[in-house]
Amino acid sequence: MTRLSVEMLAADAPPPITSAGHAQLGIAVLVGIAVIVLLITKFKLHAFLSLTIGALVLGAVAGAPLDKAITSFTTGLGSTVASVGVLIALGAILGKLLADSGGADQIVDTILAKAGGRAMPWAMVLIASVVGLPLFFEIGIVLLIPVVLMVAKRGNYSLMRIGIPALAGLSVMHGLIPPHPGPLVAIDAVKANLGVTLALGIVVAIPSVIIAGPLFSKVASRWVDVQAPDRMIPQRASDDLERRPSFGATLATVLLPVVLMLAKALVDIVIDDPANLTQRVFDVIGSPLFALLAAVIVGIFTLGRPAGFTKERINATVEKGLMPIAGVMLIVGAGGGFKQTLIDCGVGQMILDISKDWSISAVLLAWLIAVVIRLATGSATVATVSAAGLVAPLAADMSTTHTALLVLAIGAGSLFFSHVNDAGFWLVKEYFGLDVGQTIKTWSFMETILSVVAGALVFVLSLII
């Protein structure tokens, strides 16, 4: 593994917008992050506004002219939205098609019909991982919680025995697997190869979710032995549909972007000739934009049409899918602006200068930085984009594989110990009818196990490949 004895950035890199020394820059970073944390946790200010203010405070404390700090922030916001904004939108549309057409219900019902008894927690991991692939975490929770409650009641299971595996499946997709916003921003920040990151992410995700999901759920169900609460189960999407898509068509649609991106990565490895026509074709069809766009177009025919959607209904579904992502897109964009302010102030170079003689590995440093920001802000996405901006210079002389592992280390760290400053914590608490202590014993511990196991696997991979 490449150690932190990395070389200086290229001589033609743009000069920093401030002449502050390392001490002042370090203080500026701490103050900027502290402002973000304080605004989010104490004053309950939206993460977009908090990140914007934090970036400007960072620039001011670092001694940067305010106009240049504003330019850095807006440049970073614009480039981040330009690189991942369309992908977030396409993923939201695909997720809405999947939910409204009954395709998600079809996947759930088919797998549950073939599973029972001890296999049920494993089935819940599979369901959550497949359904959660194109969905944001919060949407995945809303979609899957009714299923978790029904399965727990019908089979007389402990709620934690069924719920923890489902939550682990959703969470691992959110933290490690593109095309989720966090991993995509980190990939863009450190210039990682998306296909390689996706492939290695799957390798890391499988054992991580097994340990944090079905295996830990045995312990969690003993710590918090509760049954599914008596509540009204929301109407399933397919209850008002005459018919719904087939299991095979739904699964193929959901997995299409992953297959296309993995195919591109494989062709890049086998051929490795940018001038080769085959590689050029796969570079196009395996790009995230094309892969997700293809899945959406295919989904209109494989999900919408079988469900009896008219053209007007399909258009309405697309519009409804886009509406909830405005906040997510702005948070991701503001995170990119904060990242760019860090870079332009010279924080990345400062980290290079200070840590170039350290013996700690870059992936471990990336994981630790993401953990600290996650604990402080409560947002996995904010932790990912901020940590990616801080450690991006460390990827300058890394191989393609190690750059991908750097992204995964950041993603793993961003999942660490969700607690009271995380919206996901309260979602889980309220849906499962738990108190704060029970939520910490189950959900928070599960997230921590997922983060530590995934981080350890990434570190081991960095030593052997």
Protein backbone atom coordinates (compact mmCIF):
# COMPACT_ATOMS: atom_id res chain seq x y z
CA MET A 1 0.00 0.00 0.00
CA THR A 2 1.16 3.49 -0.82
CA ARG A 3 2.13 5.17 2.43
CA LEU A 4 1.81 8.84 3.17
CA SER A 5 5.27 9.54 1.81
CA VAL A 6 3.54 11.14 -1.17
CA GLU A 7 5.13 13.83 -3.29
CA MET A 8 4.11 17.44 -3.54
CA LEU A 9 1.35 18.40 -5.90
CA ALA A 10 2.31 19.42 -9.41
CA ALA A 11 4.21 22.66 -9.68
CA ASP A 12 1.60 24.13 -12.03
CA ALA A 13 -1.24 23.65 -9.53
CA PRO A 14 -3.08 26.89 -8.78
CA PRO A 15 -1.68 28.74 -5.76
CA PRO A 16 -3.80 28.76 -2.59
CA ILE A 17 -6.11 31.73 -2.04
CA THR A 18 -4.48 32.44 1.32
CA SER A 19 -0.91 32.63 2.60
CA ALA A 20 -1.83 31.24 6.02
CA GLY A 21 0.59 28.85 7.69
CA HIS A 22 -0.18 25.33 8.79
CA ALA A 23 -1.28 26.37 12.29
CA GLN A 24 -3.76 28.94 11.02
CA LEU A 25 -5.09 26.53 8.40
CA GLY A 26 -5.53 23.82 11.01
CA ILE A 27 -7.45 26.21 13.23
CA ALA A 28 -9.54 27.29 10.23
CA VAL A 29 -10.51 23.69 9.47
CA LEU A 30 -11.48 23.02 13.09
CA VAL A 31 -13.48 26.24 13.32
CA GLY A 32 -15.22 25.61 9.98
CA ILE A 33 -16.24 22.08 10.95
CA ALA A 34 -17.24 23.23 14.44
CA VAL A 35 -19.52 25.89 12.93
CA ILE A 36 -21.16 23.28 10.71
CA VAL A 37 -21.65 20.92 13.65
CA LEU A 38 -23.04 23.68 15.89
CA LEU A 39 -25.48 24.95 13.26
CA ILE A 40 -26.76 21.45 12.45
CA THR A 41 -27.00 20.09 15.98
CA LYS A 42 -27.67 23.11 18.20
CA PHE A 43 -29.59 25.47 15.93
CA LYS A 44 -31.15 22.74 13.74
CA LEU A 45 -30.17 24.66 10.61
CA HIS A 46 -30.45 22.83 7.30
CA ALA A 47 -27.21 21.11 6.26
CA PHE A 48 -27.07 23.13 3.01
CA LEU A 49 -27.05 26.45 4.86
CA SER A 50 -24.71 25.07 7.53
CA LEU A 51 -22.17 23.91 4.96
CA THR A 52 -22.37 27.21 3.09
CA ILE A 53 -21.76 29.25 6.23
CA GLY A 54 -19.05 26.84 7.42
CA ALA A 55 -17.17 27.18 4.14
CA LEU A 56 -17.20 30.97 4.35
CA VAL A 57 -16.10 30.89 8.00
CA LEU A 58 -13.29 28.51 7.03
CA GLY A 59 -12.10 30.93 4.36
CA ALA A 60 -12.33 33.92 6.67
CA VAL A 61 -10.37 32.27 9.51
CA ALA A 62 -7.77 31.09 7.00
CA GLY A 63 -7.29 34.71 5.91
CA ALA A 64 -8.67 34.28 2.39
CA PRO A 65 -10.32 37.29 0.72
CA LEU A 66 -14.08 36.84 1.02
CA ASP A 67 -14.68 37.17 -2.71
CA LYS A 68 -12.18 34.38 -3.42
CA ALA A 69 -13.72 32.18 -0.72
CA ILE A 70 -17.14 32.70 -2.30
CA THR A 71 -15.74 31.87 -5.73
CA SER A 72 -14.16 28.67 -4.38
CA PHE A 73 -17.41 27.60 -2.76
CA THR A 74 -19.60 28.29 -5.79
CA THR A 75 -17.07 26.64 -8.11
CA GLY A 76 -17.03 23.51 -5.97
CA LEU A 77 -20.82 23.49 -5.67
CA GLY A 78 -21.26 23.86 -9.42
CA SER A 79 -18.73 21.18 -10.36
CA THR A 80 -20.19 18.73 -7.83
CA VAL A 81 -23.76 19.20 -9.00
CA ALA A 82 -22.58 18.99 -12.61
CA SER A 83 -20.81 15.68 -11.97
CA VAL A 84 -23.40 13.92 -9.78
CA GLY A 85 -26.60 15.98 -9.94
CA VAL A 86 -27.99 14.25 -13.02
CA LEU A 87 -27.07 10.87 -11.57
CA ILE A 88 -28.94 11.65 -8.34
CA ALA A 89 -31.97 12.68 -10.40
CA LEU A 90 -31.91 9.54 -12.54
CA GLY A 91 -31.53 7.34 -9.47
CA ALA A 92 -34.52 9.05 -7.83
CA ILE A 93 -36.65 8.51 -10.94
CA LEU A 94 -35.72 4.83 -11.12
CA GLY A 95 -36.49 4.41 -7.42
CA LYS A 96 -39.91 6.05 -7.80
CA LEU A 97 -40.75 3.86 -10.80
CA LEU A 98 -39.71 0.83 -8.79
CA ALA A 99 -41.92 1.82 -5.84
CA ASP A 100 -45.04 3.07 -7.64
CA SER A 101 -45.23 0.26 -10.21
CA GLY A 102 -45.21 -2.44 -7.55
CA GLY A 103 -41.84 -3.70 -8.77
CA ALA A 104 -40.35 -3.37 -5.29
CA ASP A 105 -43.28 -5.30 -3.85
CA GLN A 106 -42.76 -8.01 -6.46
CA ILE A 107 -39.12 -8.47 -5.44
CA VAL A 108 -40.09 -8.54 -1.77
CA ASP A 109 -42.96 -10.99 -2.18
CA THR A 110 -41.04 -13.35 -4.45
CA ILE A 111 -38.07 -13.64 -2.11
CA LEU A 112 -40.25 -13.95 0.99
CA ALA A 113 -42.29 -16.71 -0.63
CA LYS A 114 -39.12 -18.76 -0.95
CA ALA A 115 -37.71 -18.01 2.50
CA GLY A 116 -38.80 -18.85 6.01
CA GLY A 117 -37.59 -19.66 9.47
CA ARG A 118 -33.87 -19.17 9.90
CA ALA A 119 -33.52 -18.02 6.28
CA MET A 120 -35.74 -14.97 6.83
CA PRO A 121 -33.01 -12.58 8.12
CA TRP A 122 -30.87 -13.50 5.12
CA ALA A 123 -33.83 -12.88 2.84
CA MET A 124 -34.29 -9.44 4.39
CA VAL A 125 -30.65 -8.56 3.68
CA LEU A 126 -31.10 -9.60 0.07
CA ILE A 127 -34.34 -7.67 -0.31
CA ALA A 128 -32.91 -4.50 1.23
CA SER A 129 -29.72 -4.68 -0.82
CA VAL A 130 -31.54 -5.16 -4.14
CA VAL A 131 -34.35 -2.69 -3.48
CA GLY A 132 -31.99 -0.20 -1.84
CA LEU A 133 -29.59 -0.12 -4.78
CA PRO A 134 -31.28 2.78 -6.61
CA LEU A 135 -32.96 4.34 -3.54
CA PHE A 136 -31.86 6.93 -1.03
CA PHE A 137 -31.64 5.55 2.49
CA GLU A 138 -34.66 7.43 3.82
CA ILE A 139 -36.83 6.34 0.89
CA GLY A 140 -35.65 2.77 1.33
CA ILE A 141 -36.68 2.83 5.00
CA VAL A 142 -40.15 4.13 4.17
CA LEU A 143 -40.53 1.49 1.47
CA LEU A 144 -39.26 -1.49 3.47
CA ILE A 145 -40.50 -0.80 7.01
CA PRO A 146 -44.08 -1.96 6.26
CA VAL A 147 -42.63 -5.20 4.88
CA VAL A 148 -40.41 -5.64 7.96
CA LEU A 149 -43.40 -5.13 10.27
CA MET A 150 -45.61 -7.53 8.32
CA VAL A 151 -42.97 -10.24 8.20
CA ALA A 152 -42.20 -9.89 11.90
CA LYS A 153 -45.87 -10.08 12.87
CA ARG A 154 -46.81 -12.87 10.44
CA GLY A 155 -43.87 -15.05 11.41
CA ASN A 156 -43.84 -14.03 15.11
CA TYR A 157 -40.21 -12.92 14.80
CA SER A 158 -38.40 -10.53 17.08
CA LEU A 159 -38.49 -7.18 15.29
CA MET A 160 -34.72 -6.80 15.58
CA ARG A 161 -34.15 -10.24 14.03
CA ILE A 162 -35.86 -9.02 10.87
CA GLY A 163 -35.27 -5.27 11.02
CA ILE A 164 -31.51 -5.15 11.62
CA PRO A 165 -30.65 -7.19 8.47
CA ALA A 166 -32.91 -4.96 6.37
CA LEU A 167 -31.34 -1.79 7.77
CA ALA A 168 -27.84 -3.19 7.25
CA GLY A 169 -28.62 -3.94 3.59
CA LEU A 170 -29.88 -0.40 3.01
CA SER A 171 -27.00 1.21 4.89
CA VAL A 172 -24.18 -0.65 3.16
CA MET A 173 -25.56 0.38 -0.22
CA HIS A 174 -25.79 3.99 0.94
CA GLY A 175 -22.21 4.13 2.19
CA LEU A 176 -20.21 1.98 -0.21
CA ILE A 177 -21.96 1.37 -3.51
CA PRO A 178 -22.36 3.90 -6.33
CA PRO A 179 -24.64 5.33 -7.73
CA HIS A 180 -25.48 6.65 -4.26
CA PRO A 181 -24.54 10.35 -3.89
CA GLY A 182 -21.84 9.96 -1.22
CA PRO A 183 -19.71 7.38 -3.04
CA LEU A 184 -20.16 9.26 -6.33
CA VAL A 185 -18.88 12.52 -4.82
CA ALA A 186 -15.90 10.73 -3.26
CA ILE A 187 -15.11 9.03 -6.58
CA ASP A 188 -15.18 12.40 -8.32
CA ALA A 189 -13.07 14.08 -5.62
CA VAL A 190 -10.21 11.58 -5.65
CA LYS A 191 -10.52 10.79 -9.38
CA ALA A 192 -11.21 7.10 -8.75
CA ASN A 193 -12.36 4.61 -11.37
CA LEU A 194 -16.08 4.05 -10.85
CA GLY A 195 -16.13 0.48 -12.14
CA VAL A 196 -13.20 -0.62 -9.98
CA THR A 197 -14.72 1.14 -6.96
CA LEU A 198 -18.06 -0.59 -7.59
CA ALA A 199 -16.45 -4.01 -7.94
CA LEU A 200 -14.32 -3.65 -4.81
CA GLY A 201 -17.28 -2.11 -2.99
CA ILE A 202 -19.31 -5.26 -3.60
CA VAL A 203 -16.40 -7.38 -2.34
CA VAL A 204 -16.26 -5.32 0.87
CA ALA A 205 -20.02 -4.95 1.27
CA ILE A 206 -20.95 -8.65 1.24
CA PRO A 207 -19.03 -9.82 4.33
CA SER A 208 -19.70 -6.50 6.09
CA VAL A 209 -23.46 -6.76 5.71
CA ILE A 210 -23.46 -10.43 6.72
CA ILE A 211 -21.72 -9.65 10.01
CA ALA A 212 -23.63 -6.45 10.78
CA GLY A 213 -26.96 -7.85 9.55
CA PRO A 214 -28.04 -11.47 10.12
CA LEU A 215 -25.24 -12.32 12.58
CA PHE A 216 -25.52 -9.20 14.74
CA SER A 217 -29.33 -9.39 14.65
CA LYS A 218 -29.10 -12.50 16.86
CA VAL A 219 -27.39 -10.41 19.53
CA ALA A 220 -29.58 -7.36 18.97
CA SER A 221 -32.76 -9.42 19.34
CA ARG A 222 -31.55 -10.58 22.78
CA TRP A 223 -30.55 -7.07 23.86
CA VAL A 224 -33.82 -5.55 22.66
CA ASP A 225 -36.47 -8.26 22.50
CA VAL A 226 -39.44 -6.39 21.04
CA GLN A 227 -42.21 -7.39 18.70
CA ALA A 228 -43.50 -5.35 15.78
CA PRO A 229 -45.53 -2.47 17.28
CA ASP A 230 -49.28 -2.34 16.69
CA ARG A 231 -49.67 0.38 14.15
CA MET A 232 -51.41 0.95 10.89
CA ILE A 233 -49.31 -0.51 8.08
CA PRO A 234 -49.28 1.94 5.13
CA GLN A 235 -50.93 0.82 1.92
CA ARG A 236 -48.50 -1.00 -0.34
CA ALA A 237 -47.83 0.55 -3.72
CA SER A 238 -49.29 -2.41 -5.61
CA ASP A 239 -52.57 -2.63 -3.66
CA ASP A 240 -54.29 -0.28 -6.11
CA LEU A 241 -52.77 -1.83 -9.24
CA GLU A 242 -54.48 -4.41 -11.42
CA ARG A 243 -51.15 -6.02 -12.22
CA ARG A 244 -47.46 -5.42 -11.56
CA PRO A 245 -44.11 -6.14 -13.25
CA SER A 246 -42.64 -9.62 -13.18
CA PHE A 247 -39.85 -10.46 -10.77
CA GLY A 248 -37.35 -11.13 -13.55
CA ALA A 249 -38.05 -7.89 -15.39
CA THR A 250 -37.88 -5.86 -12.19
CA LEU A 251 -34.62 -7.42 -11.03
CA ALA A 252 -33.04 -7.01 -14.47
CA THR A 253 -34.01 -3.33 -14.55
CA VAL A 254 -32.59 -2.60 -11.10
CA LEU A 255 -29.33 -4.40 -11.82
CA LEU A 256 -28.88 -3.01 -15.36
CA PRO A 257 -26.74 0.03 -14.37
CA VAL A 258 -24.53 -2.12 -12.15
CA VAL A 259 -24.00 -4.66 -14.93
CA LEU A 260 -23.12 -1.93 -17.45
CA MET A 261 -20.65 -0.24 -15.08
CA LEU A 262 -19.00 -3.53 -14.15
CA ALA A 263 -18.77 -4.51 -17.82
CA LYS A 264 -16.93 -1.27 -18.55
CA ALA A 265 -14.49 -1.95 -15.71
CA LEU A 266 -13.84 -5.47 -16.99
CA VAL A 267 -13.26 -4.30 -20.56
CA ASP A 268 -10.90 -1.56 -19.33
CA ILE A 269 -8.84 -4.21 -17.53
CA VAL A 270 -8.79 -6.74 -20.38
CA ILE A 271 -8.18 -4.38 -23.31
CA ASP A 272 -6.54 -1.30 -21.70
CA ASP A 273 -6.31 0.59 -25.01
CA PRO A 274 -8.23 3.89 -25.11
CA ALA A 275 -8.08 3.85 -28.91
CA ASN A 276 -9.74 0.45 -29.16
CA LEU A 277 -13.30 0.68 -30.54
CA THR A 278 -14.70 -1.93 -28.14
CA GLN A 279 -13.28 -0.15 -25.14
CA ARG A 280 -14.60 3.18 -26.38
CA VAL A 281 -18.09 1.70 -26.77
CA PHE A 282 -18.03 0.26 -23.25
CA ASP A 283 -16.64 3.55 -21.90
CA VAL A 284 -19.87 5.14 -23.12
CA ILE A 285 -22.43 2.51 -22.12
CA GLY A 286 -20.68 1.92 -18.79
CA SER A 287 -20.55 5.57 -17.79
CA PRO A 288 -22.83 6.32 -14.81
CA LEU A 289 -24.94 8.79 -16.80
CA PHE A 290 -25.61 6.37 -19.67
CA ALA A 291 -26.10 3.35 -17.37
CA LEU A 292 -28.68 5.08 -15.17
CA LEU A 293 -30.40 6.75 -18.12
CA ALA A 294 -30.66 3.36 -19.82
CA ALA A 295 -32.15 1.84 -16.66
CA VAL A 296 -34.75 4.63 -16.43
CA ILE A 297 -35.77 4.27 -20.08
CA VAL A 298 -35.92 0.48 -19.78
CA GLY A 299 -37.83 0.85 -16.51
CA ILE A 300 -40.55 2.88 -18.21
CA PHE A 301 -41.31 -0.18 -20.35
CA THR A 302 -40.51 -2.99 -17.89
CA LEU A 303 -42.00 -1.36 -14.77
CA GLY A 304 -44.45 1.35 -15.82
CA ARG A 305 -46.16 -0.29 -18.77
CA PRO A 306 -46.83 -3.68 -17.09
CA ALA A 307 -48.38 -1.78 -14.17
CA GLY A 308 -50.77 -0.12 -16.62
CA PHE A 309 -49.24 3.33 -16.35
CA THR A 310 -50.39 5.78 -19.01
CA LYS A 311 -48.01 8.34 -20.44
CA GLU A 312 -49.46 10.89 -18.04
CA ARG A 313 -48.97 8.57 -15.05
CA ILE A 314 -45.36 7.88 -16.05
CA ASN A 315 -44.71 11.61 -16.36
CA ALA A 316 -46.30 12.23 -12.96
CA THR A 317 -44.16 9.48 -11.42
CA VAL A 318 -41.01 11.08 -12.84
CA GLU A 319 -42.00 14.47 -11.41
CA LYS A 320 -42.77 12.99 -7.99
CA GLY A 321 -39.44 11.18 -8.02
CA LEU A 322 -37.57 14.41 -8.63
CA MET A 323 -39.27 16.57 -5.99
CA PRO A 324 -37.79 15.01 -2.82
CA ILE A 325 -34.18 15.16 -4.04
CA ALA A 326 -33.80 18.95 -4.10
CA GLY A 327 -32.52 18.99 -0.52
CA VAL A 328 -30.19 16.05 -1.09
CA MET A 329 -28.73 17.62 -4.22
CA LEU A 330 -28.13 20.95 -2.49
CA ILE A 331 -26.48 19.26 0.51
CA VAL A 332 -24.21 17.27 -1.81
CA GLY A 333 -23.43 20.42 -3.81
CA ALA A 334 -22.68 22.45 -0.67
CA GLY A 335 -20.45 19.63 0.52
CA GLY A 336 -18.57 19.94 -2.75
CA GLY A 337 -18.30 23.69 -2.20
CA PHE A 338 -16.89 23.14 1.28
CA LYS A 339 -14.45 20.61 -0.15
CA GLN A 340 -13.28 23.07 -2.82
CA THR A 341 -12.80 25.80 -0.20
CA LEU A 342 -10.62 23.40 1.80
CA ILE A 343 -8.53 22.65 -1.28
CA ASP A 344 -8.21 26.26 -2.46
CA CYS A 345 -7.16 27.43 0.99
CA GLY A 346 -4.32 24.91 0.84
CA VAL A 347 -5.60 22.44 3.43
CA GLY A 348 -4.93 19.47 1.17
CA GLN A 349 -1.35 20.55 0.68
CA MET A 350 -1.03 21.11 4.42
CA ILE A 351 -2.08 17.52 5.06
CA LEU A 352 0.52 16.36 2.54
CA ASP A 353 3.24 18.42 4.17
CA ILE A 354 2.44 17.35 7.70
CA SER A 355 1.79 13.67 7.05
CA LYS A 356 4.37 12.87 4.39
CA ASP A 357 6.65 11.16 6.90
CA TRP A 358 3.91 9.35 8.81
CA SER A 359 3.76 5.57 8.76
CA ILE A 360 -0.06 5.48 8.92
CA SER A 361 -1.73 4.27 5.73
CA ALA A 362 -3.81 6.64 3.65
CA VAL A 363 -6.92 4.44 3.85
CA LEU A 364 -6.77 4.42 7.66
CA LEU A 365 -6.38 8.20 7.75
CA ALA A 366 -9.32 8.60 5.35
CA TRP A 367 -11.48 6.30 7.50
CA LEU A 368 -10.60 8.19 10.70
CA ILE A 369 -11.35 11.61 9.18
CA ALA A 370 -14.74 10.38 7.91
CA VAL A 371 -15.53 8.88 11.34
CA VAL A 372 -14.83 12.17 13.13
CA ILE A 373 -16.97 14.21 10.74
CA ARG A 374 -19.76 11.61 10.86
CA LEU A 375 -19.83 11.68 14.67
CA ALA A 376 -19.82 15.45 14.65
CA THR A 377 -22.39 16.21 11.94
CA GLY A 378 -24.56 13.08 11.94
CA SER A 379 -24.62 12.99 8.14
CA ALA A 380 -22.95 10.21 6.19
CA THR A 381 -23.10 12.34 3.04
CA VAL A 382 -21.50 15.38 4.70
CA ALA A 383 -18.82 13.13 6.21
CA THR A 384 -18.09 11.58 2.82
CA VAL A 385 -17.82 14.78 0.81
CA SER A 386 -15.82 16.61 3.50
CA ALA A 387 -13.39 13.73 4.08
CA ALA A 388 -12.97 13.25 0.34
CA GLY A 389 -11.94 16.88 -0.04
CA LEU A 390 -9.41 16.60 2.77
CA VAL A 391 -7.71 13.41 1.56
CA ALA A 392 -8.01 13.95 -2.21
CA PRO A 393 -4.35 15.07 -2.55
CA LEU A 394 -3.21 11.76 -1.06
CA ALA A 395 -4.53 9.98 -4.15
CA ALA A 396 -2.15 11.85 -6.46
CA ASP A 397 0.36 9.00 -6.82
CA MET A 398 -1.92 6.05 -6.01
CA SER A 399 -2.77 3.19 -8.33
CA THR A 400 -6.31 2.78 -9.65
CA THR A 401 -7.03 0.04 -7.12
CA HIS A 402 -5.76 1.96 -4.13
CA THR A 403 -7.65 5.09 -5.17
CA ALA A 404 -10.83 3.02 -5.22
CA LEU A 405 -9.99 1.66 -1.76
CA LEU A 406 -9.51 5.23 -0.52
CA VAL A 407 -13.09 5.97 -1.59
CA LEU A 408 -14.36 2.85 0.20
CA ALA A 409 -12.44 3.77 3.36
CA ILE A 410 -14.19 7.15 3.37
CA GLY A 411 -17.56 5.49 2.78
CA ALA A 412 -16.97 2.98 5.59
CA GLY A 413 -16.00 5.74 8.02
CA SER A 414 -19.09 7.76 7.11
CA LEU A 415 -21.34 5.02 8.55
CA PHE A 416 -19.79 4.98 12.03
CA PHE A 417 -22.11 5.13 15.10
CA SER A 418 -25.25 6.96 14.02
CA HIS A 419 -26.65 8.77 17.06
CA VAL A 420 -28.98 11.59 18.04
CA ASN A 421 -27.70 14.11 15.48
CA ASP A 422 -28.54 11.77 12.58
CA ALA A 423 -31.99 11.88 10.94
CA GLY A 424 -31.70 8.14 10.24
CA PHE A 425 -31.46 7.49 13.99
CA TRP A 426 -34.85 9.09 14.60
CA LEU A 427 -36.43 7.42 11.58
CA VAL A 428 -35.47 3.99 12.90
CA LYS A 429 -36.53 4.89 16.45
CA GLU A 430 -39.99 6.09 15.46
CA TYR A 431 -40.77 3.40 12.88
CA PHE A 432 -39.74 0.57 15.21
CA GLY A 433 -41.29 2.11 18.31
CA LEU A 434 -38.02 2.07 20.30
CA ASP A 435 -36.69 4.38 22.98
CA VAL A 436 -33.34 6.15 22.60
CA GLY A 437 -31.40 3.52 24.55
CA GLN A 438 -32.86 0.67 22.52
CA THR A 439 -32.08 2.48 19.27
CA ILE A 440 -28.45 2.90 20.32
CA LYS A 441 -28.17 -0.79 21.29
CA THR A 442 -29.49 -1.89 17.91
CA TRP A 443 -29.25 0.63 15.08
CA SER A 444 -26.20 2.56 16.34
CA PHE A 445 -24.25 -0.60 17.13
CA MET A 446 -25.16 -2.08 13.76
CA GLU A 447 -23.85 0.99 11.96
CA THR A 448 -20.63 0.87 13.98
CA ILE A 449 -20.07 -2.82 13.20
CA LEU A 450 -20.69 -2.13 9.53
CA SER A 451 -18.19 0.74 9.55
CA VAL A 452 -15.46 -1.11 11.45
CA VAL A 453 -15.75 -4.36 9.48
CA ALA A 454 -15.82 -2.57 6.12
CA GLY A 455 -12.91 -0.33 7.16
CA ALA A 456 -10.87 -3.34 8.29
CA LEU A 457 -11.56 -5.19 5.03
CA VAL A 458 -10.52 -2.15 3.00
CA PHE A 459 -7.29 -1.88 5.02
CA VAL A 460 -6.50 -5.59 4.50
CA LEU A 461 -7.19 -5.29 0.78
CA SER A 462 -4.86 -2.28 0.61
CA LEU A 463 -2.04 -4.46 1.96
CA ILE A 464 -2.48 -7.40 -0.41
CA ILE A 465 -3.44 -5.89 -3.76
